[in-house]
């Protein structure tokens, strides 16, 4: 089943953006009932044997996003880091290229990658303004998410993050996102300070709250980021450590059966075929 991506973004009725790292994970999510898929720059970097934070090129991310778009008929939002360039024109070009590969939206952050430094306020706003202008010239349905990542990276405080997302809203962002909010009160504060949808990242303190609780706080979208692939890596780490250090293979009995995985992937393939 396909969904209108923009219409999913309803404050107070949060949906889950399931961040995939390859075709298989995207199809598993679709078979399990996901309404939309997101890419994750960190998760994709991990699959390439690289760390997060600016280690992927724009061409690599576009090719990866195109694979995820083709994997299911669900809308896909791309995690496009800082837009793969410092200047507003480069960010605008990135938006155009993202739409060309079939993405339903992208997120742009204010981090000056590969460092954790951020763009100064005026430039950060100009970059989102250029991105929003490019998005509107392409499609009214394309969802531009503007991120204030300096809070997560401890470069500025929540007051500065809120100042930035309010400015991002004024220049045309469709949704705003401050990763790693500390508690539900902060979530409520962020949702109340803007009139557009707010994305919350399901990590840290946010994992203690349900979709219903985050919706009640005003959230429109809950993304998983790289949490799922790090969960997979935790299992791989613990299992292999037991095997290498102790000769203990017992953890291998905890996995899903191959038949069940096959069933899920076949279900996902049928969903794609039915929508063609």
C-alpha atoms as a PDB file:
ATOM      1  CA  UNK A   1       0.000   0.000   0.000  1.00  0.00           C
ATOM      2  CA  UNK A   2       1.303   3.463  -0.854  1.00  0.00           C
ATOM      3  CA  UNK A   3       0.834   6.557   1.282  1.00  0.00           C
ATOM      4  CA  UNK A   4       0.810  10.274   0.554  1.00  0.00           C
ATOM      5  CA  UNK A   5       3.941  11.358   2.379  1.00  0.00           C
ATOM      6  CA  UNK A   6       2.952  14.939   3.149  1.00  0.00           C
ATOM      7  CA  UNK A   7      -0.423  13.888   4.499  1.00  0.00           C
ATOM      8  CA  UNK A   8       1.238  11.536   6.989  1.00  0.00           C
ATOM      9  CA  UNK A   9       2.736  14.551   8.786  1.00  0.00           C
ATOM     10  CA  UNK A  10      -0.047  15.421  11.227  1.00  0.00           C
ATOM     11  CA  UNK A  11       0.913  17.023  14.543  1.00  0.00           C
ATOM     12  CA  UNK A  12      -0.590  14.977  17.334  1.00  0.00           C
ATOM     13  CA  UNK A  13      -0.926  11.869  15.146  1.00  0.00           C
ATOM     14  CA  UNK A  14       2.661  10.706  14.817  1.00  0.00           C
ATOM     15  CA  UNK A  15       3.730   8.081  12.307  1.00  0.00           C
ATOM     16  CA  UNK A  16       6.977   6.122  12.353  1.00  0.00           C
ATOM     17  CA  UNK A  17       9.592   6.750   9.682  1.00  0.00           C
ATOM     18  CA  UNK A  18      11.446   3.423   9.495  1.00  0.00           C
ATOM     19  CA  UNK A  19      15.065   4.093   8.548  1.00  0.00           C
ATOM     20  CA  UNK A  20      16.438   1.374   6.257  1.00  0.00           C
ATOM     21  CA  UNK A  21      20.031   0.679   5.270  1.00  0.00           C
ATOM     22  CA  UNK A  22      19.537  -1.620   2.267  1.00  0.00           C
ATOM     23  CA  UNK A  23      16.869  -3.146   0.027  1.00  0.00           C
ATOM     24  CA  UNK A  24      16.267  -6.067   2.384  1.00  0.00           C
ATOM     25  CA  UNK A  25      15.644  -3.916   5.453  1.00  0.00           C
ATOM     26  CA  UNK A  26      13.324  -1.628   3.475  1.00  0.00           C
ATOM     27  CA  UNK A  27      11.287  -4.604   2.298  1.00  0.00           C
ATOM     28  CA  UNK A  28      11.159  -6.099   5.786  1.00  0.00           C
ATOM     29  CA  UNK A  29       9.797  -2.792   7.098  1.00  0.00           C
ATOM     30  CA  UNK A  30       7.180  -2.692   4.339  1.00  0.00           C
ATOM     31  CA  UNK A  31       6.060  -6.254   5.075  1.00  0.00           C
ATOM     32  CA  UNK A  32       5.748  -5.401   8.766  1.00  0.00           C
ATOM     33  CA  UNK A  33       3.424  -2.477   8.005  1.00  0.00           C
ATOM     34  CA  UNK A  34       5.616   0.614   7.833  1.00  0.00           C
ATOM     35  CA  UNK A  35       3.931   3.647   6.287  1.00  0.00           C
ATOM     36  CA  UNK A  36       7.127   5.308   5.082  1.00  0.00           C
ATOM     37  CA  UNK A  37      10.833   4.595   4.808  1.00  0.00           C
ATOM     38  CA  UNK A  38      13.784   6.821   5.573  1.00  0.00           C
ATOM     39  CA  UNK A  39      17.410   6.438   4.683  1.00  0.00           C
ATOM     40  CA  UNK A  40      20.029   6.949   7.390  1.00  0.00           C
ATOM     41  CA  UNK A  41      23.406   8.442   6.600  1.00  0.00           C
ATOM     42  CA  UNK A  42      24.933   6.734   9.638  1.00  0.00           C
ATOM     43  CA  UNK A  43      23.411   3.335   8.878  1.00  0.00           C
ATOM     44  CA  UNK A  44      24.464   3.508   5.241  1.00  0.00           C
ATOM     45  CA  UNK A  45      27.990   4.561   6.231  1.00  0.00           C
ATOM     46  CA  UNK A  46      28.188   1.559   8.563  1.00  0.00           C
ATOM     47  CA  UNK A  47      27.312  -0.806   5.689  1.00  0.00           C
ATOM     48  CA  UNK A  48      30.259   0.656   3.776  1.00  0.00           C
ATOM     49  CA  UNK A  49      32.591   0.160   6.722  1.00  0.00           C
ATOM     50  CA  UNK A  50      32.799   3.894   7.428  1.00  0.00           C
ATOM     51  CA  UNK A  51      31.980   6.022  10.460  1.00  0.00           C
ATOM     52  CA  UNK A  52      29.144   8.539  10.498  1.00  0.00           C
ATOM     53  CA  UNK A  53      29.495  12.306   9.912  1.00  0.00           C
ATOM     54  CA  UNK A  54      30.335  13.299   6.373  1.00  0.00           C
ATOM     55  CA  UNK A  55      31.984  10.145   5.008  1.00  0.00           C
ATOM     56  CA  UNK A  56      29.476   9.592   2.178  1.00  0.00           C
ATOM     57  CA  UNK A  57      29.490  11.524  -1.099  1.00  0.00           C
ATOM     58  CA  UNK A  58      26.398  12.991  -2.684  1.00  0.00           C
ATOM     59  CA  UNK A  59      26.612  10.583  -5.623  1.00  0.00           C
ATOM     60  CA  UNK A  60      26.831   7.630  -3.256  1.00  0.00           C
ATOM     61  CA  UNK A  61      23.846   8.833  -1.263  1.00  0.00           C
ATOM     62  CA  UNK A  62      21.766   9.448  -4.372  1.00  0.00           C
ATOM     63  CA  UNK A  63      22.508   5.957  -5.706  1.00  0.00           C
ATOM     64  CA  UNK A  64      21.683   4.434  -2.327  1.00  0.00           C
ATOM     65  CA  UNK A  65      18.448   6.430  -2.054  1.00  0.00           C
ATOM     66  CA  UNK A  66      17.406   5.335  -5.525  1.00  0.00           C
ATOM     67  CA  UNK A  67      17.793   1.686  -4.480  1.00  0.00           C
ATOM     68  CA  UNK A  68      15.640   2.234  -1.392  1.00  0.00           C
ATOM     69  CA  UNK A  69      12.989   4.054  -3.444  1.00  0.00           C
ATOM     70  CA  UNK A  70      12.821   1.120  -5.871  1.00  0.00           C
ATOM     71  CA  UNK A  71      12.641  -1.460  -3.081  1.00  0.00           C
ATOM     72  CA  UNK A  72       9.019  -0.740  -2.116  1.00  0.00           C
ATOM     73  CA  UNK A  73       6.134   1.512  -3.105  1.00  0.00           C
ATOM     74  CA  UNK A  74       6.296   3.379   0.178  1.00  0.00           C
ATOM     75  CA  UNK A  75       7.375   7.035   0.202  1.00  0.00           C
ATOM     76  CA  UNK A  76      11.036   7.493   1.090  1.00  0.00           C
ATOM     77  CA  UNK A  77      12.676  10.420   2.862  1.00  0.00           C
ATOM     78  CA  UNK A  78      16.411  10.872   2.405  1.00  0.00           C
ATOM     79  CA  UNK A  79      18.862  11.706   5.178  1.00  0.00           C
ATOM     80  CA  UNK A  80      21.088  14.050   3.176  1.00  0.00           C
ATOM     81  CA  UNK A  81      23.263  15.321   6.009  1.00  0.00           C
ATOM     82  CA  UNK A  82      24.243  18.960   5.352  1.00  0.00           C
ATOM     83  CA  UNK A  83      23.170  18.843   1.707  1.00  0.00           C
ATOM     84  CA  UNK A  84      26.713  17.911   0.670  1.00  0.00           C
ATOM     85  CA  UNK A  85      27.972  21.456   0.503  1.00  0.00           C
ATOM     86  CA  UNK A  86      28.260  24.634   2.502  1.00  0.00           C
ATOM     87  CA  UNK A  87      26.695  27.169   0.157  1.00  0.00           C
ATOM     88  CA  UNK A  88      22.926  27.563  -0.402  1.00  0.00           C
ATOM     89  CA  UNK A  89      23.164  26.896  -4.150  1.00  0.00           C
ATOM     90  CA  UNK A  90      24.713  23.478  -3.554  1.00  0.00           C
ATOM     91  CA  UNK A  91      21.982  22.598  -1.082  1.00  0.00           C
ATOM     92  CA  UNK A  92      19.317  23.658  -3.594  1.00  0.00           C
ATOM     93  CA  UNK A  93      20.940  21.473  -6.260  1.00  0.00           C
ATOM     94  CA  UNK A  94      20.953  18.548  -3.830  1.00  0.00           C
ATOM     95  CA  UNK A  95      17.204  18.966  -3.323  1.00  0.00           C
ATOM     96  CA  UNK A  96      16.629  18.834  -7.086  1.00  0.00           C
ATOM     97  CA  UNK A  97      18.760  15.720  -7.473  1.00  0.00           C
ATOM     98  CA  UNK A  98      16.977  14.056  -4.556  1.00  0.00           C
ATOM     99  CA  UNK A  99      13.604  14.609  -6.188  1.00  0.00           C
ATOM    100  CA  UNK A 100      14.922  13.243  -9.484  1.00  0.00           C
ATOM    101  CA  UNK A 101      15.741   9.866  -7.912  1.00  0.00           C
ATOM    102  CA  UNK A 102      12.204   9.628  -6.560  1.00  0.00           C
ATOM    103  CA  UNK A 103      12.527  10.725  -2.944  1.00  0.00           C
ATOM    104  CA  UNK A 104       9.397  12.118  -1.306  1.00  0.00           C
ATOM    105  CA  UNK A 105      11.458  14.445   0.858  1.00  0.00           C
ATOM    106  CA  UNK A 106      14.841  14.990   2.470  1.00  0.00           C
ATOM    107  CA  UNK A 107      16.315  16.370   5.662  1.00  0.00           C
ATOM    108  CA  UNK A 108      19.067  18.983   5.755  1.00  0.00           C
ATOM    109  CA  UNK A 109      21.068  19.659   8.907  1.00  0.00           C
ATOM    110  CA  UNK A 110      23.031  22.689  10.068  1.00  0.00           C
ATOM    111  CA  UNK A 111      26.250  20.800  10.868  1.00  0.00           C
ATOM    112  CA  UNK A 112      29.363  21.824   8.963  1.00  0.00           C
ATOM    113  CA  UNK A 113      30.452  18.282   8.193  1.00  0.00           C
ATOM    114  CA  UNK A 114      32.742  16.448   8.607  1.00  0.00           C
ATOM    115  CA  UNK A 115      33.141  18.445  11.842  1.00  0.00           C
ATOM    116  CA  UNK A 116      30.421  18.829  14.487  1.00  0.00           C
ATOM    117  CA  UNK A 117      30.608  22.614  14.091  1.00  0.00           C
ATOM    118  CA  UNK A 118      27.491  24.358  12.829  1.00  0.00           C
ATOM    119  CA  UNK A 119      26.862  27.054  10.254  1.00  0.00           C
ATOM    120  CA  UNK A 120      26.342  30.466  11.769  1.00  0.00           C
ATOM    121  CA  UNK A 121      22.703  31.386  12.176  1.00  0.00           C
ATOM    122  CA  UNK A 122      22.289  33.543   9.061  1.00  0.00           C
ATOM    123  CA  UNK A 123      23.941  31.030   6.733  1.00  0.00           C
ATOM    124  CA  UNK A 124      22.005  28.134   8.262  1.00  0.00           C
ATOM    125  CA  UNK A 125      18.757  29.953   7.507  1.00  0.00           C
ATOM    126  CA  UNK A 126      19.828  30.915   3.979  1.00  0.00           C
ATOM    127  CA  UNK A 127      20.648  27.276   3.244  1.00  0.00           C
ATOM    128  CA  UNK A 128      17.162  26.148   4.255  1.00  0.00           C
ATOM    129  CA  UNK A 129      15.596  29.036   2.343  1.00  0.00           C
ATOM    130  CA  UNK A 130      17.383  27.909  -0.830  1.00  0.00           C
ATOM    131  CA  UNK A 131      16.385  24.294  -0.211  1.00  0.00           C
ATOM    132  CA  UNK A 132      12.741  25.245   0.322  1.00  0.00           C
ATOM    133  CA  UNK A 133      12.684  27.352  -2.834  1.00  0.00           C
ATOM    134  CA  UNK A 134      14.082  24.442  -4.837  1.00  0.00           C
ATOM    135  CA  UNK A 135      11.580  22.023  -3.294  1.00  0.00           C
ATOM    136  CA  UNK A 136       8.586  24.201  -4.118  1.00  0.00           C
ATOM    137  CA  UNK A 137       9.765  24.662  -7.689  1.00  0.00           C
ATOM    138  CA  UNK A 138       9.752  20.882  -8.070  1.00  0.00           C
ATOM    139  CA  UNK A 139       6.660  19.665  -6.271  1.00  0.00           C
ATOM    140  CA  UNK A 140       4.173  20.840  -3.685  1.00  0.00           C
ATOM    141  CA  UNK A 141       4.320  17.371  -2.159  1.00  0.00           C
ATOM    142  CA  UNK A 142       8.083  17.204  -1.475  1.00  0.00           C
ATOM    143  CA  UNK A 143       8.699  17.401   2.294  1.00  0.00           C
ATOM    144  CA  UNK A 144      11.749  19.395   3.375  1.00  0.00           C
ATOM    145  CA  UNK A 145      12.873  18.727   6.936  1.00  0.00           C
ATOM    146  CA  UNK A 146      15.214  21.287   8.513  1.00  0.00           C
ATOM    147  CA  UNK A 147      17.411  19.942  11.303  1.00  0.00           C
ATOM    148  CA  UNK A 148      19.059  21.770  14.193  1.00  0.00           C
ATOM    149  CA  UNK A 149      21.835  19.285  14.951  1.00  0.00           C
ATOM    150  CA  UNK A 150      23.970  21.625  17.017  1.00  0.00           C
ATOM    151  CA  UNK A 151      21.890  20.731  20.061  1.00  0.00           C
ATOM    152  CA  UNK A 152      22.635  17.001  19.685  1.00  0.00           C
ATOM    153  CA  UNK A 153      26.324  17.753  19.160  1.00  0.00           C
ATOM    154  CA  UNK A 154      26.380  20.104  22.166  1.00  0.00           C
ATOM    155  CA  UNK A 155      27.395  23.129  20.126  1.00  0.00           C
ATOM    156  CA  UNK A 156      24.423  25.222  21.260  1.00  0.00           C
ATOM    157  CA  UNK A 157      21.566  24.948  23.754  1.00  0.00           C
ATOM    158  CA  UNK A 158      17.872  24.244  23.271  1.00  0.00           C
ATOM    159  CA  UNK A 159      17.017  27.941  23.138  1.00  0.00           C
ATOM    160  CA  UNK A 160      19.305  28.374  20.129  1.00  0.00           C
ATOM    161  CA  UNK A 161      17.913  25.229  18.529  1.00  0.00           C
ATOM    162  CA  UNK A 162      14.386  26.585  18.889  1.00  0.00           C
ATOM    163  CA  UNK A 163      15.461  29.949  17.480  1.00  0.00           C
ATOM    164  CA  UNK A 164      16.827  28.108  14.454  1.00  0.00           C
ATOM    165  CA  UNK A 165      13.799  25.907  13.772  1.00  0.00           C
ATOM    166  CA  UNK A 166      11.499  28.930  14.074  1.00  0.00           C
ATOM    167  CA  UNK A 167      13.616  30.687  11.464  1.00  0.00           C
ATOM    168  CA  UNK A 168      13.615  27.551   9.296  1.00  0.00           C
ATOM    169  CA  UNK A 169       9.815  27.541   9.418  1.00  0.00           C
ATOM    170  CA  UNK A 170       9.668  31.177   8.312  1.00  0.00           C
ATOM    171  CA  UNK A 171      11.788  30.503   5.213  1.00  0.00           C
ATOM    172  CA  UNK A 172       9.773  27.522   4.046  1.00  0.00           C
ATOM    173  CA  UNK A 173      10.720  24.309   5.860  1.00  0.00           C
ATOM    174  CA  UNK A 174       7.858  21.791   5.939  1.00  0.00           C
ATOM    175  CA  UNK A 175       8.975  19.983   9.095  1.00  0.00           C
ATOM    176  CA  UNK A 176      11.610  20.632  11.759  1.00  0.00           C
ATOM    177  CA  UNK A 177      13.798  18.321  13.781  1.00  0.00           C
ATOM    178  CA  UNK A 178      16.009  18.710  16.856  1.00  0.00           C
ATOM    179  CA  UNK A 179      17.641  15.303  17.420  1.00  0.00           C
ATOM    180  CA  UNK A 180      18.161  13.914  20.933  1.00  0.00           C
ATOM    181  CA  UNK A 181      15.702  15.957  22.961  1.00  0.00           C
ATOM    182  CA  UNK A 182      16.195  15.173  26.670  1.00  0.00           C
ATOM    183  CA  UNK A 183      12.624  14.627  27.886  1.00  0.00           C
ATOM    184  CA  UNK A 184       8.942  14.877  27.078  1.00  0.00           C
ATOM    185  CA  UNK A 185       8.714  18.438  28.398  1.00  0.00           C
ATOM    186  CA  UNK A 186      11.344  19.514  25.873  1.00  0.00           C
ATOM    187  CA  UNK A 187       9.373  17.758  23.138  1.00  0.00           C
ATOM    188  CA  UNK A 188       6.217  19.651  24.130  1.00  0.00           C
ATOM    189  CA  UNK A 189       8.123  22.933  24.182  1.00  0.00           C
ATOM    190  CA  UNK A 190       9.508  22.354  20.690  1.00  0.00           C
ATOM    191  CA  UNK A 191       6.129  21.340  19.260  1.00  0.00           C
ATOM    192  CA  UNK A 192       4.475  24.427  20.759  1.00  0.00           C
ATOM    193  CA  UNK A 193       7.035  26.873  19.387  1.00  0.00           C
ATOM    194  CA  UNK A 194       6.345  26.121  15.700  1.00  0.00           C
ATOM    195  CA  UNK A 195       3.201  25.622  13.637  1.00  0.00           C
ATOM    196  CA  UNK A 196       4.632  22.985  11.281  1.00  0.00           C
ATOM    197  CA  UNK A 197       5.182  19.248  11.936  1.00  0.00           C
ATOM    198  CA  UNK A 198       7.979  18.189  14.296  1.00  0.00           C
ATOM    199  CA  UNK A 199      10.120  15.069  13.897  1.00  0.00           C
ATOM    200  CA  UNK A 200      11.504  13.359  17.012  1.00  0.00           C
ATOM    201  CA  UNK A 201      14.318  10.814  17.027  1.00  0.00           C
ATOM    202  CA  UNK A 202      13.557   7.590  18.922  1.00  0.00           C
ATOM    203  CA  UNK A 203      16.810   7.332  20.868  1.00  0.00           C
ATOM    204  CA  UNK A 204      17.865   7.875  24.464  1.00  0.00           C
ATOM    205  CA  UNK A 205      15.084   9.270  26.637  1.00  0.00           C
ATOM    206  CA  UNK A 206      12.601   9.085  23.761  1.00  0.00           C
ATOM    207  CA  UNK A 207      12.701   5.269  23.779  1.00  0.00           C
ATOM    208  CA  UNK A 208      10.890   5.393  27.133  1.00  0.00           C
ATOM    209  CA  UNK A 209       7.803   6.913  25.499  1.00  0.00           C
ATOM    210  CA  UNK A 210       5.240   5.336  23.188  1.00  0.00           C
ATOM    211  CA  UNK A 211       3.983   6.615  19.860  1.00  0.00           C
ATOM    212  CA  UNK A 212       0.793   7.633  21.659  1.00  0.00           C
ATOM    213  CA  UNK A 213       2.664   9.638  24.296  1.00  0.00           C
ATOM    214  CA  UNK A 214       4.789  11.431  21.722  1.00  0.00           C
ATOM    215  CA  UNK A 215       1.680  12.156  19.668  1.00  0.00           C
ATOM    216  CA  UNK A 216       0.015  13.659  22.726  1.00  0.00           C
ATOM    217  CA  UNK A 217       3.052  15.934  23.093  1.00  0.00           C
ATOM    218  CA  UNK A 218       2.401  17.225  19.564  1.00  0.00           C
ATOM    219  CA  UNK A 219       4.854  15.140  17.519  1.00  0.00           C
ATOM    220  CA  UNK A 220       4.021  14.424  13.867  1.00  0.00           C
ATOM    221  CA  UNK A 221       6.838  12.048  12.926  1.00  0.00           C
ATOM    222  CA  UNK A 222       9.109   9.644  14.806  1.00  0.00           C
ATOM    223  CA  UNK A 223      12.266   8.546  13.039  1.00  0.00           C
ATOM    224  CA  UNK A 224      14.536   5.669  14.047  1.00  0.00           C
ATOM    225  CA  UNK A 225      17.798   7.000  12.615  1.00  0.00           C
ATOM    226  CA  UNK A 226      20.554   4.407  12.902  1.00  0.00           C
ATOM    227  CA  UNK A 227      19.028   2.787  16.015  1.00  0.00           C
ATOM    228  CA  UNK A 228      17.866  -0.392  14.285  1.00  0.00           C
ATOM    229  CA  UNK A 229      21.156  -1.129  12.572  1.00  0.00           C
ATOM    230  CA  UNK A 230      22.993  -0.455  15.838  1.00  0.00           C
ATOM    231  CA  UNK A 231      20.633  -2.943  17.476  1.00  0.00           C
ATOM    232  CA  UNK A 232      21.647  -5.453  14.785  1.00  0.00           C
ATOM    233  CA  UNK A 233      25.304  -4.637  15.433  1.00  0.00           C
ATOM    234  CA  UNK A 234      24.805  -5.169  19.174  1.00  0.00           C
ATOM    235  CA  UNK A 235      23.481  -8.662  18.506  1.00  0.00           C
ATOM    236  CA  UNK A 236      26.323  -9.388  16.102  1.00  0.00           C
ATOM    237  CA  UNK A 237      28.880  -8.100  18.603  1.00  0.00           C
ATOM    238  CA  UNK A 238      27.525 -10.116  21.519  1.00  0.00           C
ATOM    239  CA  UNK A 239      27.148 -13.303  19.490  1.00  0.00           C
ATOM    240  CA  UNK A 240      30.590 -13.160  17.914  1.00  0.00           C
ATOM    241  CA  UNK A 241      32.246 -12.200  21.195  1.00  0.00           C
ATOM    242  CA  UNK A 242      30.722 -15.298  22.791  1.00  0.00           C
ATOM    243  CA  UNK A 243      31.854 -17.454  19.868  1.00  0.00           C
ATOM    244  CA  UNK A 244      35.406 -16.103  19.693  1.00  0.00           C
ATOM    245  CA  UNK A 245      36.029 -15.714  23.420  1.00  0.00           C
ATOM    246  CA  UNK A 246      34.162 -18.729  24.791  1.00  0.00           C
ATOM    247  CA  UNK A 247      33.371 -21.015  21.874  1.00  0.00           C
ATOM    248  CA  UNK A 248      29.690 -20.467  22.719  1.00  0.00           C
ATOM    249  CA  UNK A 249      27.341 -20.725  19.730  1.00  0.00           C
ATOM    250  CA  UNK A 250      24.097 -20.733  21.728  1.00  0.00           C
ATOM    251  CA  UNK A 251      23.106 -17.186  20.731  1.00  0.00           C
ATOM    252  CA  UNK A 252      22.747 -18.316  17.113  1.00  0.00           C
ATOM    253  CA  UNK A 253      19.522 -20.058  18.110  1.00  0.00           C
ATOM    254  CA  UNK A 254      17.854 -16.696  18.836  1.00  0.00           C
ATOM    255  CA  UNK A 255      17.502 -15.519  15.231  1.00  0.00           C
ATOM    256  CA  UNK A 256      14.386 -15.451  13.086  1.00  0.00           C
ATOM    257  CA  UNK A 257      13.879 -18.574  11.042  1.00  0.00           C
ATOM    258  CA  UNK A 258      14.939 -18.399   7.417  1.00  0.00           C
ATOM    259  CA  UNK A 259      11.439 -19.433   6.373  1.00  0.00           C
ATOM    260  CA  UNK A 260       9.867 -16.535   8.258  1.00  0.00           C
ATOM    261  CA  UNK A 261      12.285 -14.058   6.693  1.00  0.00           C
ATOM    262  CA  UNK A 262      11.471 -15.536   3.279  1.00  0.00           C
ATOM    263  CA  UNK A 263       7.753 -15.098   3.964  1.00  0.00           C
ATOM    264  CA  UNK A 264       8.192 -11.451   4.905  1.00  0.00           C
ATOM    265  CA  UNK A 265      10.280 -10.689   1.827  1.00  0.00           C
ATOM    266  CA  UNK A 266       7.812 -12.517  -0.420  1.00  0.00           C
ATOM    267  CA  UNK A 267       4.983 -10.502   1.143  1.00  0.00           C
ATOM    268  CA  UNK A 268       6.883  -7.296   0.453  1.00  0.00           C
ATOM    269  CA  UNK A 269       7.564  -8.326  -3.152  1.00  0.00           C
ATOM    270  CA  UNK A 270       3.861  -9.029  -3.665  1.00  0.00           C
ATOM    271  CA  UNK A 271       2.982  -5.596  -2.279  1.00  0.00           C
ATOM    272  CA  UNK A 272       5.330  -4.011  -4.813  1.00  0.00           C
ATOM    273  CA  UNK A 273       3.956  -6.118  -7.666  1.00  0.00           C
ATOM    274  CA  UNK A 274       0.334  -5.304  -6.766  1.00  0.00           C
ATOM    275  CA  UNK A 275       1.007  -1.583  -6.865  1.00  0.00           C
ATOM    276  CA  UNK A 276       2.749  -1.595 -10.254  1.00  0.00           C
END
